[in-house]
């Protein structure tokens, strides 16, 4: 009777262990699936991060191009201002020259009085 009871307990123990092994295998399978999913997620995130780095480089390049364009346009604007000043100065000189010429003509056209 003692051996029979011991045999039943050993059988029950083996069944419990067998169930635990099955549950552990099922759990391992679930964790394996989770691991694969996380690896796929990590790979996708790496790809996304790489695309984002390329986007950052593109945007930085565009901004540098804009900055260069702004500097060149500012230089062109300075040249235009200098040209305008030069044109105004020349116009002023021409006006002064015309005034002097008219004044000289007026003086020459007036009758001279000799003493």
C-alpha atoms as a PDB file:
ATOM      1  CA  UNK A   1       0.000   0.000   0.000  1.00  0.00           C
ATOM      2  CA  UNK A   2       2.812   2.344   0.807  1.00  0.00           C
ATOM      3  CA  UNK A   3       4.505   1.551  -2.510  1.00  0.00           C
ATOM      4  CA  UNK A   4       1.257   1.971  -4.412  1.00  0.00           C
ATOM      5  CA  UNK A   5       0.675   5.382  -2.832  1.00  0.00           C
ATOM      6  CA  UNK A   6       4.255   6.347  -3.580  1.00  0.00           C
ATOM      7  CA  UNK A   7       3.837   5.184  -7.174  1.00  0.00           C
ATOM      8  CA  UNK A   8       0.673   7.277  -7.591  1.00  0.00           C
ATOM      9  CA  UNK A   9       2.403  10.317  -6.147  1.00  0.00           C
ATOM     10  CA  UNK A  10       5.362   9.811  -8.476  1.00  0.00           C
ATOM     11  CA  UNK A  11       2.970   9.509 -11.430  1.00  0.00           C
ATOM     12  CA  UNK A  12       1.136  12.676 -10.393  1.00  0.00           C
ATOM     13  CA  UNK A  13       4.477  14.416  -9.957  1.00  0.00           C
ATOM     14  CA  UNK A  14       5.532  13.370 -13.465  1.00  0.00           C
ATOM     15  CA  UNK A  15       2.212  14.622 -14.905  1.00  0.00           C
ATOM     16  CA  UNK A  16       2.573  17.962 -13.125  1.00  0.00           C
ATOM     17  CA  UNK A  17       6.133  18.309 -14.374  1.00  0.00           C
ATOM     18  CA  UNK A  18       4.980  17.368 -17.894  1.00  0.00           C
ATOM     19  CA  UNK A  19       2.295  20.083 -17.723  1.00  0.00           C
ATOM     20  CA  UNK A  20       4.854  22.578 -16.450  1.00  0.00           C
ATOM     21  CA  UNK A  21       7.165  21.675 -19.333  1.00  0.00           C
ATOM     22  CA  UNK A  22       4.324  22.192 -21.845  1.00  0.00           C
ATOM     23  CA  UNK A  23       3.359  25.519 -20.280  1.00  0.00           C
ATOM     24  CA  UNK A  24       6.989  26.612 -20.239  1.00  0.00           C
ATOM     25  CA  UNK A  25       7.352  25.617 -23.912  1.00  0.00           C
ATOM     26  CA  UNK A  26       4.198  27.566 -24.785  1.00  0.00           C
ATOM     27  CA  UNK A  27       5.535  30.525 -22.857  1.00  0.00           C
ATOM     28  CA  UNK A  28       8.901  30.183 -24.629  1.00  0.00           C
ATOM     29  CA  UNK A  29       7.115  30.149 -27.995  1.00  0.00           C
ATOM     30  CA  UNK A  30       5.250  33.343 -27.065  1.00  0.00           C
ATOM     31  CA  UNK A  31       8.490  34.997 -25.954  1.00  0.00           C
ATOM     32  CA  UNK A  32      10.164  33.847 -29.184  1.00  0.00           C
ATOM     33  CA  UNK A  33       7.385  35.520 -31.186  1.00  0.00           C
ATOM     34  CA  UNK A  34       7.718  38.654 -29.066  1.00  0.00           C
ATOM     35  CA  UNK A  35      11.479  38.625 -29.647  1.00  0.00           C
ATOM     36  CA  UNK A  36      11.031  38.357 -33.412  1.00  0.00           C
ATOM     37  CA  UNK A  37       8.464  41.160 -33.375  1.00  0.00           C
ATOM     38  CA  UNK A  38      10.755  43.390 -31.325  1.00  0.00           C
ATOM     39  CA  UNK A  39      13.666  42.647 -33.665  1.00  0.00           C
ATOM     40  CA  UNK A  40      11.495  43.618 -36.626  1.00  0.00           C
ATOM     41  CA  UNK A  41      10.404  46.772 -34.796  1.00  0.00           C
ATOM     42  CA  UNK A  42      14.035  47.631 -34.024  1.00  0.00           C
ATOM     43  CA  UNK A  43      15.008  47.109 -37.672  1.00  0.00           C
ATOM     44  CA  UNK A  44      12.136  49.340 -38.812  1.00  0.00           C
ATOM     45  CA  UNK A  45      13.132  51.986 -36.281  1.00  0.00           C
ATOM     46  CA  UNK A  46      16.721  51.822 -37.547  1.00  0.00           C
ATOM     47  CA  UNK A  47      15.475  52.333 -41.105  1.00  0.00           C
ATOM     48  CA  UNK A  48      13.285  55.219 -39.981  1.00  0.00           C
ATOM     49  CA  UNK A  49      16.173  56.773 -38.047  1.00  0.00           C
ATOM     50  CA  UNK A  50      18.374  56.494 -41.144  1.00  0.00           C
ATOM     51  CA  UNK A  51      15.699  58.199 -43.259  1.00  0.00           C
ATOM     52  CA  UNK A  52      15.352  60.917 -40.630  1.00  0.00           C
ATOM     53  CA  UNK A  53      19.129  61.482 -40.609  1.00  0.00           C
ATOM     54  CA  UNK A  54      19.041  61.861 -44.399  1.00  0.00           C
ATOM     55  CA  UNK A  55      16.126  64.295 -44.072  1.00  0.00           C
ATOM     56  CA  UNK A  56      18.081  66.303 -41.500  1.00  0.00           C
ATOM     57  CA  UNK A  57      21.092  66.455 -43.835  1.00  0.00           C
ATOM     58  CA  UNK A  58      18.892  67.536 -46.742  1.00  0.00           C
ATOM     59  CA  UNK A  59      17.224  70.263 -44.678  1.00  0.00           C
ATOM     60  CA  UNK A  60      20.603  71.491 -43.390  1.00  0.00           C
ATOM     61  CA  UNK A  61      21.902  71.612 -46.959  1.00  0.00           C
ATOM     62  CA  UNK A  62      18.854  73.581 -48.102  1.00  0.00           C
ATOM     63  CA  UNK A  63      19.237  76.017 -45.203  1.00  0.00           C
ATOM     64  CA  UNK A  64      22.911  76.546 -46.070  1.00  0.00           C
ATOM     65  CA  UNK A  65      21.894  77.191 -49.672  1.00  0.00           C
ATOM     66  CA  UNK A  66      19.315  79.716 -48.516  1.00  0.00           C
ATOM     67  CA  UNK A  67      21.897  81.442 -46.315  1.00  0.00           C
ATOM     68  CA  UNK A  68      24.315  81.649 -49.240  1.00  0.00           C
ATOM     69  CA  UNK A  69      21.557  83.017 -51.488  1.00  0.00           C
ATOM     70  CA  UNK A  70      20.642  85.645 -48.875  1.00  0.00           C
ATOM     71  CA  UNK A  71      24.281  86.748 -48.599  1.00  0.00           C
ATOM     72  CA  UNK A  72      24.597  86.995 -52.376  1.00  0.00           C
ATOM     73  CA  UNK A  73      21.362  88.987 -52.637  1.00  0.00           C
ATOM     74  CA  UNK A  74      22.579  91.331 -49.882  1.00  0.00           C
ATOM     75  CA  UNK A  75      25.789  91.874 -51.859  1.00  0.00           C
ATOM     76  CA  UNK A  76      23.746  92.537 -55.000  1.00  0.00           C
ATOM     77  CA  UNK A  77      21.604  94.995 -53.041  1.00  0.00           C
ATOM     78  CA  UNK A  78      24.758  96.833 -51.885  1.00  0.00           C
ATOM     79  CA  UNK A  79      25.970  97.018 -55.486  1.00  0.00           C
ATOM     80  CA  UNK A  80      22.593  98.439 -56.543  1.00  0.00           C
ATOM     81  CA  UNK A  81      22.780 101.041 -53.759  1.00  0.00           C
ATOM     82  CA  UNK A  82      26.315 102.003 -54.773  1.00  0.00           C
ATOM     83  CA  UNK A  83      25.246 102.262 -58.403  1.00  0.00           C
ATOM     84  CA  UNK A  84      22.305 104.454 -57.404  1.00  0.00           C
ATOM     85  CA  UNK A  85      24.568 106.739 -55.359  1.00  0.00           C
ATOM     86  CA  UNK A  86      27.053 106.982 -58.224  1.00  0.00           C
ATOM     87  CA  UNK A  87      24.273 107.802 -60.683  1.00  0.00           C
ATOM     88  CA  UNK A  88      22.906 110.487 -58.343  1.00  0.00           C
ATOM     89  CA  UNK A  89      26.375 111.965 -57.878  1.00  0.00           C
ATOM     90  CA  UNK A  90      26.964 112.057 -61.629  1.00  0.00           C
ATOM     91  CA  UNK A  91      23.557 113.619 -62.188  1.00  0.00           C
ATOM     92  CA  UNK A  92      24.417 116.230 -59.579  1.00  0.00           C
ATOM     93  CA  UNK A  93      27.748 116.924 -61.281  1.00  0.00           C
ATOM     94  CA  UNK A  94      26.065 117.238 -64.668  1.00  0.00           C
ATOM     95  CA  UNK A  95      23.499 119.620 -63.214  1.00  0.00           C
ATOM     96  CA  UNK A  96      26.275 121.644 -61.656  1.00  0.00           C
ATOM     97  CA  UNK A  97      28.137 121.628 -64.967  1.00  0.00           C
ATOM     98  CA  UNK A  98      25.042 122.787 -66.835  1.00  0.00           C
ATOM     99  CA  UNK A  99      24.473 125.532 -64.305  1.00  0.00           C
ATOM    100  CA  UNK A 100      28.034 126.699 -64.722  1.00  0.00           C
ATOM    101  CA  UNK A 101      27.766 126.558 -68.503  1.00  0.00           C
ATOM    102  CA  UNK A 102      24.510 128.504 -68.449  1.00  0.00           C
ATOM    103  CA  UNK A 103      25.997 131.009 -66.087  1.00  0.00           C
ATOM    104  CA  UNK A 104      29.014 131.418 -68.381  1.00  0.00           C
ATOM    105  CA  UNK A 105      26.779 131.763 -71.424  1.00  0.00           C
ATOM    106  CA  UNK A 106      24.669 134.333 -69.638  1.00  0.00           C
ATOM    107  CA  UNK A 107      27.751 136.287 -68.757  1.00  0.00           C
ATOM    108  CA  UNK A 108      29.013 136.168 -72.341  1.00  0.00           C
ATOM    109  CA  UNK A 109      25.658 137.162 -73.793  1.00  0.00           C
ATOM    110  CA  UNK A 110      25.383 140.278 -71.718  1.00  0.00           C
ATOM    111  CA  UNK A 111      26.816 143.352 -73.295  1.00  0.00           C
ATOM    112  CA  UNK A 112      30.135 144.287 -71.919  1.00  0.00           C
ATOM    113  CA  UNK A 113      30.751 147.697 -70.785  1.00  0.00           C
ATOM    114  CA  UNK A 114      34.163 148.982 -71.466  1.00  0.00           C
ATOM    115  CA  UNK A 115      35.623 151.774 -69.648  1.00  0.00           C
END
